[in-house]
Amino acid sequence: MCSASESVSNETEAAAWLDNISFCSGFCQWIDEELIDSLPADSQQPVESTRASEAEAVSAQPSAEKSPTEIRTGGNRRSRIHAFFKRAWKAVKKPFLRCRRTRVESDPEPASVPGPSELQNEPDTEPTSAPDLPDWRPTTKSLHKLYTMQDLIGTGSFGKVYKAIRKSDGREVAIKTTRKWNNSCSLQIPGCSRRLATEVGLMLMLRRPPVCPYIIEMYEWFDRPLVFSLVLEFPQPCVTLREFIMDSSGLSEAVARGFMRQLVLAVQHCINHGVFHNDVHADNVLVNTDTLELKLIDFGSGHLLDSAGYDSVKYIGAFLFCPPEVFSKPKYYAVPTNVWTLGVTLYMMVNIKLPFSSVKQILKACPFPWKAELSSACSDLIHQCLERSPAKRPTLEQILQHQWFESQL
């Protein structure tokens, strides 16, 4: 038993340990809620009945004929996993709880109310003027009870994306699952009382009406102890814009004009809703190959719109779509950065390749030569978007008013 003086000196360390290992308790709950969904139906019986049936099987046959491994069932295996983590959790937290109990008795403090995820355990540092959003909270039902998981369709450092079927109506969706220990970025959106994972928070903001048809829609999200999952719209048939450009050996100006208009409207919608995407490029745009409608995706690198700008050293967008001010100035800003990335994307649509291949080229804003047959209006718009000085680039509204969009509509 720790003394009162020792508990005071170790309070901070004990609290930190408890925060770092608190996922163990949640993991045990997750084993109950999630792992059992993946077991066969005949193994999802109560542990007591499983043990009783095993005892009858053992007593009915000689022990020499059945080895211990042959009589184990899925339910018993699950119970052992569950019991192991519960024992580990109790063993690790026991000494800290003793010290913490002594401290609480001598200096009681109000208990904190935990949020539904570890991203939400931080205290609210700013008062929220707007009321809670009615739809910001995660779905509490089991993901596997609502959706049938199918093929893996994408993977990366963020996690994985699966095709899935919604059981209620058979609708095809995409489920993006991100591991929490790989994605600790969070933010607090207006109207929400807790911090949320960055991509979840930004997509909730974009769900506020009016919605944009050129941005992927998030239907709902799930917050589990180790991961959070986003249920997203899944347009079919679709490919990334990069794949579409390569398969088409470059786009005609007519097709590129339609794509560019949709992209500008998508980015403009984000800005109007207080969202800075920060990673617009050809792999973060889906193309419906039947309708040629675009969807801007992947808001994991985004930010809340901030007129004060963003630290250049923290830029995490695609390297070859990065504007020159990120390399040469301490701050970069949302709209000029978006205009630059749109210019790079337009160049790629009509020239197949990217305009830059090195930081030196980007700093000089000196792109590779473009096709000779490109119209002067299209060349002029690319040139304006890839202006080295952010202040000299057009606004999103000015892009839509450019003569290239007024011709051959």
Protein backbone atom coordinates (compact mmCIF):
# COMPACT_ATOMS: atom_id res chain seq x y z
CA MET A 1 0.00 0.00 0.00
CA CYS A 2 1.40 3.38 -1.00
CA SER A 3 1.56 6.13 1.61
CA ALA A 4 -0.29 9.42 1.16
CA SER A 5 2.93 11.33 0.41
CA GLU A 6 4.01 8.78 -2.19
CA SER A 7 0.60 8.88 -3.85
CA VAL A 8 0.82 12.68 -4.21
CA SER A 9 4.22 12.55 -5.89
CA ASN A 10 3.21 9.69 -8.19
CA GLU A 11 -0.23 11.05 -9.08
CA THR A 12 0.78 12.51 -12.44
CA GLU A 13 2.74 9.41 -13.48
CA ALA A 14 -0.06 7.06 -12.44
CA ALA A 15 -2.67 9.09 -14.32
CA ALA A 16 -0.50 9.09 -17.44
CA TRP A 17 -0.06 5.30 -17.22
CA LEU A 18 -3.79 4.81 -16.81
CA ASP A 19 -4.52 6.99 -19.86
CA ASN A 20 -2.00 5.11 -21.99
CA ILE A 21 -3.30 1.66 -21.10
CA SER A 22 -6.99 2.45 -20.78
CA PHE A 23 -7.65 0.82 -24.13
CA CYS A 24 -7.28 -2.62 -22.46
CA SER A 25 -10.61 -2.24 -20.73
CA GLY A 26 -12.20 -1.11 -23.98
CA PHE A 27 -10.57 -4.02 -25.77
CA CYS A 28 -12.30 -6.49 -23.48
CA GLN A 29 -15.61 -4.86 -24.30
CA TRP A 30 -14.73 -4.93 -27.98
CA ILE A 31 -14.04 -8.68 -27.73
CA ASP A 32 -17.59 -9.09 -26.43
CA GLU A 33 -19.24 -6.88 -29.04
CA GLU A 34 -17.18 -7.45 -32.19
CA LEU A 35 -15.23 -10.72 -32.08
CA ILE A 36 -18.30 -12.80 -31.38
CA ASP A 37 -19.83 -11.51 -34.62
CA SER A 38 -17.08 -13.21 -36.59
CA LEU A 39 -17.49 -16.65 -34.90
CA PRO A 40 -19.71 -19.40 -36.32
CA ALA A 41 -23.27 -19.43 -35.05
CA ASP A 42 -22.81 -22.71 -33.19
CA SER A 43 -19.96 -21.20 -31.16
CA GLN A 44 -21.89 -18.14 -30.03
CA GLN A 45 -23.60 -19.89 -27.12
CA PRO A 46 -23.06 -18.89 -23.49
CA VAL A 47 -19.75 -19.93 -21.98
CA GLU A 48 -21.47 -21.92 -19.22
CA SER A 49 -23.42 -24.06 -21.68
CA THR A 50 -20.32 -24.58 -23.79
CA ARG A 51 -18.37 -25.79 -20.81
CA ALA A 52 -21.24 -28.10 -19.80
CA SER A 53 -21.38 -29.65 -23.26
CA GLU A 54 -17.63 -30.14 -23.21
CA ALA A 55 -17.85 -31.90 -19.85
CA GLU A 56 -20.50 -34.26 -21.17
CA ALA A 57 -18.40 -35.02 -24.26
CA VAL A 58 -15.34 -35.76 -22.15
CA SER A 59 -17.21 -38.02 -19.70
CA ALA A 60 -18.89 -39.93 -22.51
CA GLN A 61 -15.60 -40.95 -24.17
CA PRO A 62 -12.24 -42.14 -22.86
CA SER A 63 -9.74 -39.37 -22.43
CA ALA A 64 -7.18 -41.27 -24.49
CA GLU A 65 -9.33 -40.98 -27.61
CA LYS A 66 -9.72 -37.20 -27.54
CA SER A 67 -6.89 -34.75 -27.08
CA PRO A 68 -7.56 -31.37 -25.40
CA THR A 69 -7.21 -29.57 -28.73
CA GLU A 70 -9.89 -31.71 -30.35
CA ILE A 71 -12.60 -30.85 -27.84
CA ARG A 72 -12.06 -27.07 -27.79
CA THR A 73 -14.75 -24.92 -29.36
CA GLY A 74 -14.84 -21.36 -30.77
CA GLY A 75 -16.81 -20.15 -27.75
CA ASN A 76 -14.21 -21.54 -25.32
CA ARG A 77 -11.39 -19.95 -27.31
CA ARG A 78 -13.17 -16.62 -27.20
CA SER A 79 -13.70 -16.89 -23.44
CA ARG A 80 -9.99 -17.56 -22.89
CA ILE A 81 -9.03 -14.51 -24.97
CA HIS A 82 -11.51 -12.40 -23.05
CA ALA A 83 -10.31 -13.73 -19.68
CA PHE A 84 -6.65 -13.11 -20.59
CA PHE A 85 -7.18 -9.42 -21.34
CA LYS A 86 -9.33 -8.93 -18.24
CA ARG A 87 -6.62 -10.47 -16.06
CA ALA A 88 -3.93 -8.36 -17.77
CA TRP A 89 -5.95 -5.19 -17.28
CA LYS A 90 -6.56 -5.91 -13.58
CA ALA A 91 -2.90 -6.77 -12.96
CA VAL A 92 -1.59 -3.61 -14.62
CA LYS A 93 -4.02 -1.15 -13.07
CA LYS A 94 -3.98 -2.58 -9.52
CA PRO A 95 -0.91 -0.75 -8.11
CA PHE A 96 -1.95 2.54 -9.65
CA LEU A 97 -5.46 2.33 -8.32
CA ARG A 98 -4.10 1.83 -4.79
CA CYS A 99 -2.10 5.05 -5.02
CA ARG A 100 -4.97 6.84 -6.70
CA ARG A 101 -7.45 5.70 -4.01
CA THR A 102 -5.28 7.17 -1.23
CA ARG A 103 -5.02 10.44 -3.13
CA VAL A 104 -8.75 10.68 -3.71
CA GLU A 105 -9.48 10.11 -0.02
CA SER A 106 -7.19 12.99 1.00
CA ASP A 107 -8.07 15.40 -1.79
CA PRO A 108 -11.30 14.48 -3.59
CA GLU A 109 -11.80 15.74 -7.12
CA PRO A 110 -14.84 15.51 -9.38
CA ALA A 111 -14.71 12.49 -11.68
CA SER A 112 -14.25 13.12 -15.37
CA VAL A 113 -16.83 11.88 -17.82
CA PRO A 114 -15.15 9.81 -20.56
CA GLY A 115 -16.10 10.34 -24.17
CA PRO A 116 -17.08 7.51 -26.51
CA SER A 117 -13.55 7.36 -27.96
CA GLU A 118 -10.02 8.10 -26.88
CA LEU A 119 -9.92 11.00 -29.34
CA GLN A 120 -12.66 12.61 -27.28
CA ASN A 121 -11.05 12.29 -23.84
CA GLU A 122 -9.44 15.71 -24.03
CA PRO A 123 -11.19 18.44 -22.02
CA ASP A 124 -13.08 21.13 -23.86
CA THR A 125 -10.72 24.10 -23.96
CA GLU A 126 -13.10 26.49 -25.64
CA PRO A 127 -16.76 27.14 -24.87
CA THR A 128 -19.13 26.08 -27.60
CA SER A 129 -21.52 28.82 -28.58
CA ALA A 130 -23.60 26.69 -30.93
CA PRO A 131 -25.80 23.84 -29.62
CA ASP A 132 -24.73 20.24 -30.15
CA LEU A 133 -25.23 18.92 -33.66
CA PRO A 134 -28.10 16.42 -33.64
CA ASP A 135 -26.21 14.00 -35.91
CA TRP A 136 -22.57 14.16 -34.83
CA ARG A 137 -22.62 11.12 -32.54
CA PRO A 138 -21.40 7.74 -33.84
CA THR A 139 -23.72 4.83 -34.49
CA THR A 140 -23.82 2.63 -31.39
CA LYS A 141 -24.92 -0.64 -33.00
CA SER A 142 -22.37 -3.20 -34.15
CA LEU A 143 -20.92 -2.47 -37.58
CA HIS A 144 -21.09 -6.15 -38.56
CA LYS A 145 -24.75 -6.38 -37.63
CA LEU A 146 -25.63 -3.55 -40.01
CA TYR A 147 -23.23 -4.26 -42.89
CA THR A 148 -21.84 -7.28 -44.71
CA MET A 149 -18.14 -6.72 -45.40
CA GLN A 150 -16.90 -7.74 -48.84
CA ASP A 151 -13.77 -7.05 -50.91
CA LEU A 152 -10.82 -4.91 -49.87
CA ILE A 153 -10.71 -2.04 -52.38
CA GLY A 154 -7.97 0.19 -50.97
CA THR A 155 -5.23 0.33 -48.37
CA GLY A 156 -2.64 2.78 -47.05
CA SER A 157 -0.98 4.16 -43.95
CA PHE A 158 -4.38 5.39 -42.75
CA GLY A 159 -5.97 1.93 -42.73
CA LYS A 160 -8.18 0.08 -45.21
CA VAL A 161 -11.26 0.61 -47.38
CA TYR A 162 -13.74 -2.21 -47.94
CA LYS A 163 -16.72 -2.65 -50.17
CA ALA A 164 -19.76 -3.57 -48.06
CA ILE A 165 -23.50 -4.15 -48.36
CA ARG A 166 -25.98 -2.42 -46.09
CA LYS A 167 -28.25 -5.17 -44.80
CA SER A 168 -31.35 -2.96 -44.44
CA ASP A 169 -31.68 -2.16 -48.16
CA GLY A 170 -28.84 -3.92 -50.03
CA ARG A 171 -27.08 -0.66 -50.88
CA GLU A 172 -23.38 -0.86 -51.79
CA VAL A 173 -21.17 1.35 -49.63
CA ALA A 174 -17.47 1.86 -48.93
CA ILE A 175 -16.29 1.47 -45.33
CA LYS A 176 -13.05 3.23 -44.45
CA THR A 177 -11.51 1.85 -41.26
CA THR A 178 -8.68 3.78 -39.62
CA ARG A 179 -6.53 2.58 -36.75
CA LYS A 180 -6.49 5.11 -33.91
CA TRP A 181 -2.82 4.67 -33.11
CA ASN A 182 -2.00 5.62 -36.75
CA ASN A 183 -4.26 8.65 -36.74
CA SER A 184 -4.26 10.80 -33.61
CA CYS A 185 -5.26 14.05 -35.37
CA SER A 186 -8.45 15.53 -34.00
CA LEU A 187 -10.37 18.78 -34.02
CA GLN A 188 -13.47 20.36 -32.54
CA ILE A 189 -16.11 21.46 -35.00
CA PRO A 190 -18.68 24.19 -34.32
CA GLY A 191 -21.79 22.82 -32.65
CA CYS A 192 -20.07 19.73 -31.24
CA SER A 193 -19.07 19.49 -27.58
CA ARG A 194 -16.19 17.02 -28.06
CA ARG A 195 -13.13 16.64 -30.23
CA LEU A 196 -13.51 14.26 -33.16
CA ALA A 197 -11.13 12.55 -35.55
CA THR A 198 -10.22 15.07 -38.27
CA GLU A 199 -11.84 13.29 -41.21
CA VAL A 200 -15.00 12.53 -39.23
CA GLY A 201 -15.36 16.12 -38.06
CA LEU A 202 -14.82 17.67 -41.48
CA MET A 203 -17.22 15.30 -43.22
CA LEU A 204 -19.86 16.04 -40.59
CA MET A 205 -19.49 19.74 -41.41
CA LEU A 206 -19.93 18.98 -45.11
CA ARG A 207 -23.14 17.06 -44.36
CA ARG A 208 -24.82 20.28 -43.33
CA PRO A 209 -27.21 21.44 -46.06
CA PRO A 210 -26.90 22.42 -48.76
CA VAL A 211 -24.80 19.40 -49.75
CA CYS A 212 -22.56 19.24 -52.82
CA PRO A 213 -22.98 16.44 -55.41
CA TYR A 214 -19.24 16.55 -56.14
CA ILE A 215 -18.10 15.57 -52.63
CA ILE A 216 -18.29 12.01 -51.31
CA GLU A 217 -21.05 11.63 -48.72
CA MET A 218 -20.57 10.07 -45.29
CA TYR A 219 -23.71 8.19 -44.24
CA GLU A 220 -22.66 7.37 -40.65
CA TRP A 221 -19.62 6.50 -38.57
CA PHE A 222 -18.63 4.04 -35.85
CA ASP A 223 -16.33 4.66 -32.90
CA ARG A 224 -14.76 1.46 -31.55
CA PRO A 225 -11.96 1.09 -28.99
CA LEU A 226 -9.17 0.49 -31.52
CA VAL A 227 -10.52 1.92 -34.79
CA PHE A 228 -13.08 4.31 -36.16
CA SER A 229 -14.99 3.48 -39.35
CA LEU A 230 -16.64 5.79 -41.88
CA VAL A 231 -19.51 4.50 -44.02
CA LEU A 232 -19.20 6.33 -47.33
CA GLU A 233 -21.02 6.66 -50.60
CA PHE A 234 -19.70 4.19 -53.19
CA PRO A 235 -20.30 5.47 -56.76
CA GLN A 236 -20.27 2.74 -59.38
CA PRO A 237 -18.63 2.21 -61.80
CA CYS A 238 -15.75 4.46 -60.83
CA VAL A 239 -11.97 4.88 -61.05
CA THR A 240 -9.62 7.53 -59.73
CA LEU A 241 -9.05 10.60 -61.89
CA ARG A 242 -5.42 9.54 -62.40
CA GLU A 243 -6.53 6.14 -63.72
CA PHE A 244 -9.11 7.78 -65.98
CA ILE A 245 -6.49 10.16 -67.42
CA MET A 246 -4.03 7.33 -68.09
CA ASP A 247 -6.65 5.03 -69.60
CA SER A 248 -7.79 7.85 -71.89
CA SER A 249 -4.23 8.89 -72.84
CA GLY A 250 -5.07 12.40 -71.75
CA LEU A 251 -8.39 14.24 -71.85
CA SER A 252 -9.88 16.48 -74.45
CA GLU A 253 -10.43 20.08 -73.42
CA ALA A 254 -14.18 19.52 -73.43
CA VAL A 255 -13.96 16.67 -70.90
CA ALA A 256 -11.29 18.48 -68.86
CA ARG A 257 -13.49 21.59 -68.74
CA GLY A 258 -16.37 19.61 -67.25
CA PHE A 259 -14.09 17.97 -64.69
CA MET A 260 -12.42 21.25 -63.75
CA ARG A 261 -15.78 22.95 -63.19
CA GLN A 262 -16.90 20.16 -60.85
CA LEU A 263 -13.62 20.27 -58.91
CA VAL A 264 -13.78 24.04 -58.45
CA LEU A 265 -17.38 23.79 -57.22
CA ALA A 266 -16.39 21.01 -54.79
CA VAL A 267 -13.49 23.02 -53.36
CA GLN A 268 -15.65 26.15 -53.21
CA HIS A 269 -18.30 24.22 -51.27
CA CYS A 270 -15.64 23.10 -48.78
CA ILE A 271 -14.46 26.67 -48.23
CA ASN A 272 -18.03 27.93 -47.80
CA HIS A 273 -18.57 25.28 -45.11
CA GLY A 274 -15.38 26.17 -43.25
CA VAL A 275 -13.36 23.18 -44.52
CA PHE A 276 -9.90 23.23 -46.13
CA HIS A 277 -9.26 19.92 -47.93
CA ASN A 278 -5.47 20.47 -48.19
CA ASP A 279 -4.83 17.44 -50.43
CA VAL A 280 -6.61 17.90 -53.76
CA HIS A 281 -4.96 15.74 -56.39
CA ALA A 282 -5.77 13.16 -59.06
CA ASP A 283 -5.80 10.19 -56.66
CA ASN A 284 -8.29 11.88 -54.32
CA VAL A 285 -10.92 12.31 -57.02
CA LEU A 286 -13.26 9.53 -58.20
CA VAL A 287 -14.74 9.53 -61.71
CA ASN A 288 -18.01 7.77 -62.50
CA THR A 289 -17.17 6.32 -65.92
CA ASP A 290 -20.84 6.25 -66.98
CA THR A 291 -21.88 9.78 -66.02
CA LEU A 292 -18.46 11.53 -65.85
CA GLU A 293 -19.43 12.91 -62.46
CA LEU A 294 -16.61 13.54 -59.99
CA LYS A 295 -16.42 12.97 -56.24
CA LEU A 296 -13.77 14.61 -54.06
CA ILE A 297 -12.64 12.13 -51.38
CA ASP A 298 -10.21 11.68 -48.45
CA PHE A 299 -10.39 14.56 -45.97
CA GLY A 300 -7.86 13.01 -43.59
CA SER A 301 -5.27 15.74 -44.28
CA GLY A 302 -7.75 18.59 -44.01
CA HIS A 303 -8.19 21.47 -41.57
CA LEU A 304 -10.82 23.84 -40.35
CA LEU A 305 -10.67 27.01 -42.41
CA ASP A 306 -8.34 29.49 -40.74
CA SER A 307 -7.70 33.00 -42.12
CA ALA A 308 -4.43 33.08 -40.13
CA GLY A 309 -2.99 30.39 -42.38
CA TYR A 310 -1.18 27.14 -41.62
CA ASP A 311 2.39 26.28 -40.65
CA SER A 312 4.36 25.28 -43.73
CA VAL A 313 6.44 22.74 -41.79
CA LYS A 314 3.22 20.82 -41.01
CA TYR A 315 2.04 20.52 -44.61
CA ILE A 316 1.04 16.90 -45.30
CA GLY A 317 -0.49 17.09 -48.78
CA ALA A 318 0.84 15.36 -51.90
CA PHE A 319 4.43 16.53 -52.55
CA LEU A 320 4.23 17.23 -56.31
CA PHE A 321 0.96 19.16 -55.89
CA CYS A 322 2.48 21.35 -53.17
CA PRO A 323 2.57 25.15 -53.81
CA PRO A 324 5.94 26.99 -53.69
CA GLU A 325 5.10 29.03 -50.58
CA VAL A 326 5.17 25.83 -48.49
CA PHE A 327 8.92 25.60 -49.24
CA SER A 328 9.72 29.30 -49.07
CA LYS A 329 7.41 30.93 -46.49
CA PRO A 330 6.38 30.16 -42.89
CA LYS A 331 2.65 30.15 -43.72
CA TYR A 332 0.43 28.94 -46.51
CA TYR A 333 -3.27 29.73 -47.02
CA ALA A 334 -6.30 27.70 -48.01
CA VAL A 335 -7.64 29.31 -51.19
CA PRO A 336 -4.29 30.03 -52.94
CA THR A 337 -3.17 26.47 -52.12
CA ASN A 338 -6.38 25.02 -53.55
CA VAL A 339 -6.01 27.13 -56.70
CA TRP A 340 -2.44 25.88 -57.18
CA THR A 341 -3.46 22.23 -56.80
CA LEU A 342 -6.34 22.76 -59.22
CA GLY A 343 -3.87 24.19 -61.73
CA VAL A 344 -1.61 21.14 -61.35
CA THR A 345 -4.61 18.84 -61.80
CA LEU A 346 -5.81 20.68 -64.92
CA TYR A 347 -2.30 20.51 -66.40
CA MET A 348 -2.27 16.75 -65.74
CA MET A 349 -5.70 16.24 -67.33
CA VAL A 350 -4.69 17.76 -70.67
CA ASN A 351 -0.99 16.79 -70.72
CA ILE A 352 -1.13 13.33 -69.01
CA LYS A 353 2.01 14.05 -66.96
CA LEU A 354 2.55 16.36 -63.96
CA PRO A 355 3.96 19.87 -64.52
CA PHE A 356 6.76 19.52 -61.93
CA SER A 357 9.15 16.80 -60.84
CA SER A 358 11.28 18.59 -58.22
CA VAL A 359 11.20 21.24 -55.50
CA LYS A 360 13.45 23.45 -57.66
CA GLN A 361 10.87 23.50 -60.44
CA ILE A 362 8.04 24.20 -57.99
CA LEU A 363 9.93 27.10 -56.37
CA LYS A 364 10.48 28.66 -59.78
CA ALA A 365 6.88 27.88 -60.83
CA CYS A 366 8.37 26.67 -64.08
CA PRO A 367 6.26 23.77 -65.43
CA PHE A 368 7.20 21.44 -68.26
CA PRO A 369 6.04 22.61 -71.71
CA TRP A 370 2.44 21.69 -72.51
CA LYS A 371 0.92 20.36 -75.70
CA ALA A 372 1.21 22.64 -78.68
CA GLU A 373 -2.42 22.02 -79.68
CA LEU A 374 -3.72 23.29 -76.33
CA SER A 375 -5.95 26.34 -76.71
CA SER A 376 -4.64 29.72 -75.60
CA ALA A 377 -7.54 30.05 -73.12
CA CYS A 378 -6.71 26.74 -71.40
CA SER A 379 -2.99 27.60 -71.32
CA ASP A 380 -3.78 30.98 -69.80
CA LEU A 381 -5.89 29.47 -67.00
CA ILE A 382 -3.14 26.96 -66.13
CA HIS A 383 -0.57 29.77 -66.13
CA GLN A 384 -2.71 31.88 -63.78
CA CYS A 385 -3.32 29.02 -61.34
CA LEU A 386 0.40 28.17 -61.28
CA GLU A 387 1.46 31.75 -60.53
CA ARG A 388 4.42 31.73 -58.12
CA SER A 389 2.97 34.49 -55.92
CA PRO A 390 -0.14 33.36 -53.99
CA ALA A 391 -1.55 36.89 -54.10
CA LYS A 392 -1.52 36.89 -57.92
CA ARG A 393 -3.46 33.68 -58.34
CA PRO A 394 -7.16 33.93 -59.20
CA THR A 395 -9.88 33.20 -56.68
CA LEU A 396 -12.19 30.23 -57.13
CA GLU A 397 -14.91 32.55 -58.41
CA GLN A 398 -12.52 34.10 -60.93
CA ILE A 399 -11.57 30.64 -62.21
CA LEU A 400 -15.24 29.89 -62.99
CA GLN A 401 -15.51 33.25 -64.79
CA HIS A 402 -12.44 32.60 -66.94
CA GLN A 403 -12.96 32.73 -70.71
CA TRP A 404 -12.07 29.04 -71.02
CA PHE A 405 -15.34 28.14 -69.26
CA GLU A 406 -17.35 30.61 -71.32
CA SER A 407 -16.32 29.01 -74.62
CA GLN A 408 -17.81 25.73 -75.89
CA LEU A 409 -20.04 25.17 -72.85
